[in-house]
């Protein structure tokens, strides 16, 4: 699991982003993303299914890189 945060008190930005890969009940793999405001504690979730673990992990690394470019650390 990868956990990223973006905090900017001057712009009132307090966000989290969780990314993980899990095996599904049907033998595939899911890239699960959760994001939202840190103060709220709850957020949104999106799952994308892949046939192989390698393709799911590749997608996870690409998503992590994109989020880091946007200021998450």
N, C-alpha and C. Protein backbone atom coordinates (compact mmCIF):
# COMPACT_ATOMS: atom_id res chain seq x y z
N UNK A 1 0.84 -1.18 0.00
CA UNK A 1 0.00 0.00 0.00
C UNK A 1 0.88 1.24 0.00
N UNK A 2 0.48 2.21 -0.78
CA UNK A 2 1.19 3.49 -0.84
C UNK A 2 0.25 4.55 -0.29
N UNK A 3 0.75 5.35 0.64
CA UNK A 3 -0.03 6.44 1.21
C UNK A 3 0.68 7.75 0.90
N UNK A 4 -0.04 8.66 0.28
CA UNK A 4 0.51 9.97 -0.07
C UNK A 4 -0.33 11.05 0.59
N UNK A 5 0.32 12.17 0.90
CA UNK A 5 -0.37 13.31 1.49
C UNK A 5 0.00 14.57 0.73
N UNK A 6 -0.91 15.51 0.71
CA UNK A 6 -0.63 16.83 0.14
C UNK A 6 -1.19 17.84 1.12
N UNK A 7 -0.28 18.58 1.75
CA UNK A 7 -0.68 19.54 2.78
C UNK A 7 -0.13 20.90 2.39
N UNK A 8 -1.02 21.88 2.32
CA UNK A 8 -0.64 23.25 2.02
C UNK A 8 -1.48 24.19 2.86
N UNK A 9 -1.04 24.53 4.08
CA UNK A 9 -1.86 25.34 4.97
C UNK A 9 -2.23 26.70 4.39
N UNK A 10 -1.36 27.25 3.55
CA UNK A 10 -1.66 28.56 2.97
C UNK A 10 -2.83 28.51 1.99
N UNK A 11 -3.07 27.35 1.38
CA UNK A 11 -4.19 27.20 0.45
C UNK A 11 -5.27 26.27 1.01
N UNK A 12 -5.15 25.90 2.28
CA UNK A 12 -6.10 25.00 2.95
C UNK A 12 -6.23 23.67 2.21
N UNK A 13 -5.09 23.10 1.83
CA UNK A 13 -5.06 21.80 1.17
C UNK A 13 -4.58 20.76 2.17
N UNK A 14 -5.44 19.80 2.51
CA UNK A 14 -5.09 18.71 3.41
C UNK A 14 -5.71 17.44 2.84
N UNK A 15 -5.00 16.78 1.96
CA UNK A 15 -5.57 15.63 1.25
C UNK A 15 -4.72 14.38 1.44
N UNK A 16 -5.37 13.23 1.31
CA UNK A 16 -4.66 11.96 1.35
C UNK A 16 -5.00 11.18 0.08
N UNK A 17 -4.13 10.23 -0.25
CA UNK A 17 -4.33 9.36 -1.41
C UNK A 17 -3.72 8.01 -1.08
N UNK A 18 -4.52 6.95 -1.06
CA UNK A 18 -4.05 5.59 -0.80
C UNK A 18 -4.15 4.80 -2.11
N UNK A 19 -3.12 4.03 -2.41
CA UNK A 19 -3.11 3.18 -3.60
C UNK A 19 -2.67 1.79 -3.16
N UNK A 20 -3.42 0.76 -3.58
CA UNK A 20 -3.02 -0.61 -3.25
C UNK A 20 -3.48 -1.57 -4.34
N UNK A 21 -2.82 -2.72 -4.39
CA UNK A 21 -3.17 -3.78 -5.33
C UNK A 21 -3.62 -4.98 -4.52
N UNK A 22 -4.78 -5.54 -4.87
CA UNK A 22 -5.31 -6.71 -4.17
C UNK A 22 -5.81 -7.72 -5.19
N UNK A 23 -5.76 -8.99 -4.80
CA UNK A 23 -6.31 -10.03 -5.66
C UNK A 23 -7.83 -10.08 -5.47
N UNK A 24 -8.55 -10.25 -6.57
CA UNK A 24 -10.00 -10.32 -6.51
C UNK A 24 -10.46 -11.75 -6.27
N UNK A 25 -11.73 -11.91 -5.98
CA UNK A 25 -12.29 -13.25 -5.77
C UNK A 25 -12.32 -14.08 -7.04
N UNK A 26 -12.23 -13.43 -8.18
CA UNK A 26 -12.32 -14.11 -9.47
C UNK A 26 -10.95 -14.41 -10.08
N UNK A 27 -9.88 -14.22 -9.33
CA UNK A 27 -8.54 -14.55 -9.78
C UNK A 27 -7.82 -13.41 -10.48
N UNK A 28 -8.47 -12.29 -10.65
CA UNK A 28 -7.82 -11.13 -11.26
C UNK A 28 -7.18 -10.27 -10.19
N UNK A 29 -6.78 -9.08 -10.57
CA UNK A 29 -6.14 -8.14 -9.65
C UNK A 29 -6.83 -6.80 -9.76
N UNK A 30 -6.93 -6.10 -8.65
CA UNK A 30 -7.59 -4.80 -8.63
C UNK A 30 -6.64 -3.75 -8.09
N UNK A 31 -6.60 -2.61 -8.77
CA UNK A 31 -5.90 -1.43 -8.29
C UNK A 31 -6.96 -0.59 -7.59
N UNK A 32 -6.79 -0.40 -6.30
CA UNK A 32 -7.79 0.30 -5.50
C UNK A 32 -7.21 1.64 -5.07
N UNK A 33 -7.94 2.70 -5.39
CA UNK A 33 -7.52 4.06 -5.04
C UNK A 33 -8.55 4.66 -4.10
N UNK A 34 -8.05 5.29 -3.04
CA UNK A 34 -8.92 5.99 -2.09
C UNK A 34 -8.34 7.38 -1.90
N UNK A 35 -9.19 8.40 -1.89
CA UNK A 35 -8.72 9.75 -1.71
C UNK A 35 -9.78 10.60 -1.02
N UNK A 36 -9.29 11.71 -0.43
CA UNK A 36 -10.22 12.62 0.23
C UNK A 36 -9.48 13.62 1.10
N UNK A 37 -10.24 14.33 1.93
CA UNK A 37 -9.66 15.31 2.84
C UNK A 37 -9.22 14.62 4.12
N UNK A 38 -8.08 15.02 4.65
CA UNK A 38 -7.53 14.40 5.86
C UNK A 38 -8.46 14.63 7.05
N UNK A 39 -9.00 15.83 7.22
CA UNK A 39 -9.84 16.14 8.37
C UNK A 39 -11.13 15.31 8.37
N UNK A 40 -11.65 15.05 7.20
CA UNK A 40 -12.92 14.35 7.08
C UNK A 40 -12.78 12.87 7.39
N UNK A 41 -11.67 12.27 6.99
CA UNK A 41 -11.45 10.86 7.27
C UNK A 41 -12.06 9.92 6.25
N UNK A 42 -13.12 10.34 5.61
CA UNK A 42 -13.73 9.51 4.57
C UNK A 42 -13.47 10.17 3.22
N UNK A 43 -13.61 9.39 2.20
CA UNK A 43 -13.36 9.92 0.88
C UNK A 43 -14.03 9.07 -0.17
N UNK A 44 -13.42 9.04 -1.33
CA UNK A 44 -13.96 8.27 -2.44
C UNK A 44 -13.06 7.09 -2.75
N UNK A 45 -13.63 6.07 -3.37
CA UNK A 45 -12.89 4.87 -3.72
C UNK A 45 -13.18 4.51 -5.17
N UNK A 46 -12.13 4.07 -5.87
CA UNK A 46 -12.26 3.62 -7.25
C UNK A 46 -11.42 2.36 -7.43
N UNK A 47 -11.99 1.33 -8.04
CA UNK A 47 -11.27 0.09 -8.30
C UNK A 47 -11.20 -0.13 -9.81
N UNK A 48 -10.01 -0.52 -10.27
CA UNK A 48 -9.81 -0.86 -11.67
C UNK A 48 -9.23 -2.26 -11.71
N UNK A 49 -9.83 -3.13 -12.52
CA UNK A 49 -9.43 -4.54 -12.56
C UNK A 49 -8.40 -4.78 -13.66
N UNK A 50 -7.46 -5.71 -13.36
CA UNK A 50 -6.42 -6.13 -14.29
C UNK A 50 -6.35 -7.66 -14.29
N UNK A 51 -5.84 -8.21 -15.36
CA UNK A 51 -5.72 -9.67 -15.44
C UNK A 51 -4.47 -10.20 -14.73
N UNK A 52 -3.41 -9.40 -14.70
CA UNK A 52 -2.17 -9.86 -14.07
C UNK A 52 -1.74 -8.89 -12.98
N UNK A 53 -1.00 -9.41 -12.01
CA UNK A 53 -0.48 -8.59 -10.94
C UNK A 53 0.53 -7.58 -11.47
N UNK A 54 1.33 -7.99 -12.46
CA UNK A 54 2.34 -7.10 -13.02
C UNK A 54 1.71 -5.86 -13.67
N UNK A 55 0.62 -6.05 -14.40
CA UNK A 55 -0.02 -4.90 -15.03
C UNK A 55 -0.66 -3.98 -13.99
N UNK A 56 -1.19 -4.54 -12.92
CA UNK A 56 -1.76 -3.73 -11.85
C UNK A 56 -0.67 -2.94 -11.14
N UNK A 57 0.47 -3.56 -10.88
CA UNK A 57 1.58 -2.85 -10.22
C UNK A 57 2.17 -1.78 -11.12
N UNK A 58 2.22 -2.03 -12.42
CA UNK A 58 2.70 -1.01 -13.35
C UNK A 58 1.78 0.20 -13.32
N UNK A 59 0.48 -0.04 -13.32
CA UNK A 59 -0.48 1.05 -13.25
C UNK A 59 -0.35 1.81 -11.92
N UNK A 60 -0.08 1.08 -10.83
CA UNK A 60 0.09 1.70 -9.53
C UNK A 60 1.30 2.62 -9.53
N UNK A 61 2.41 2.18 -10.11
CA UNK A 61 3.62 3.01 -10.17
C UNK A 61 3.38 4.27 -11.01
N UNK A 62 2.67 4.14 -12.12
CA UNK A 62 2.37 5.30 -12.97
C UNK A 62 1.49 6.30 -12.23
N UNK A 63 0.50 5.79 -11.51
CA UNK A 63 -0.39 6.66 -10.75
C UNK A 63 0.37 7.36 -9.62
N UNK A 64 1.25 6.63 -8.95
CA UNK A 64 2.06 7.25 -7.89
C UNK A 64 2.92 8.36 -8.45
N UNK A 65 3.56 8.13 -9.58
CA UNK A 65 4.41 9.16 -10.20
C UNK A 65 3.60 10.40 -10.57
N UNK A 66 2.40 10.19 -11.09
CA UNK A 66 1.54 11.32 -11.45
C UNK A 66 1.14 12.12 -10.22
N UNK A 67 0.82 11.45 -9.14
CA UNK A 67 0.43 12.14 -7.91
C UNK A 67 1.62 12.90 -7.31
N UNK A 68 2.80 12.32 -7.38
CA UNK A 68 3.99 13.01 -6.85
C UNK A 68 4.28 14.27 -7.67
N UNK A 69 4.06 14.22 -8.98
CA UNK A 69 4.24 15.42 -9.81
C UNK A 69 3.24 16.51 -9.43
N UNK A 70 2.09 16.12 -8.90
CA UNK A 70 1.08 17.10 -8.50
C UNK A 70 1.27 17.61 -7.07
N UNK A 71 2.35 17.19 -6.41
CA UNK A 71 2.66 17.73 -5.09
C UNK A 71 2.43 16.80 -3.92
N UNK A 72 1.97 15.58 -4.17
CA UNK A 72 1.81 14.61 -3.09
C UNK A 72 3.16 14.04 -2.70
N UNK A 73 3.34 13.75 -1.43
CA UNK A 73 4.60 13.13 -0.98
C UNK A 73 4.30 12.13 0.12
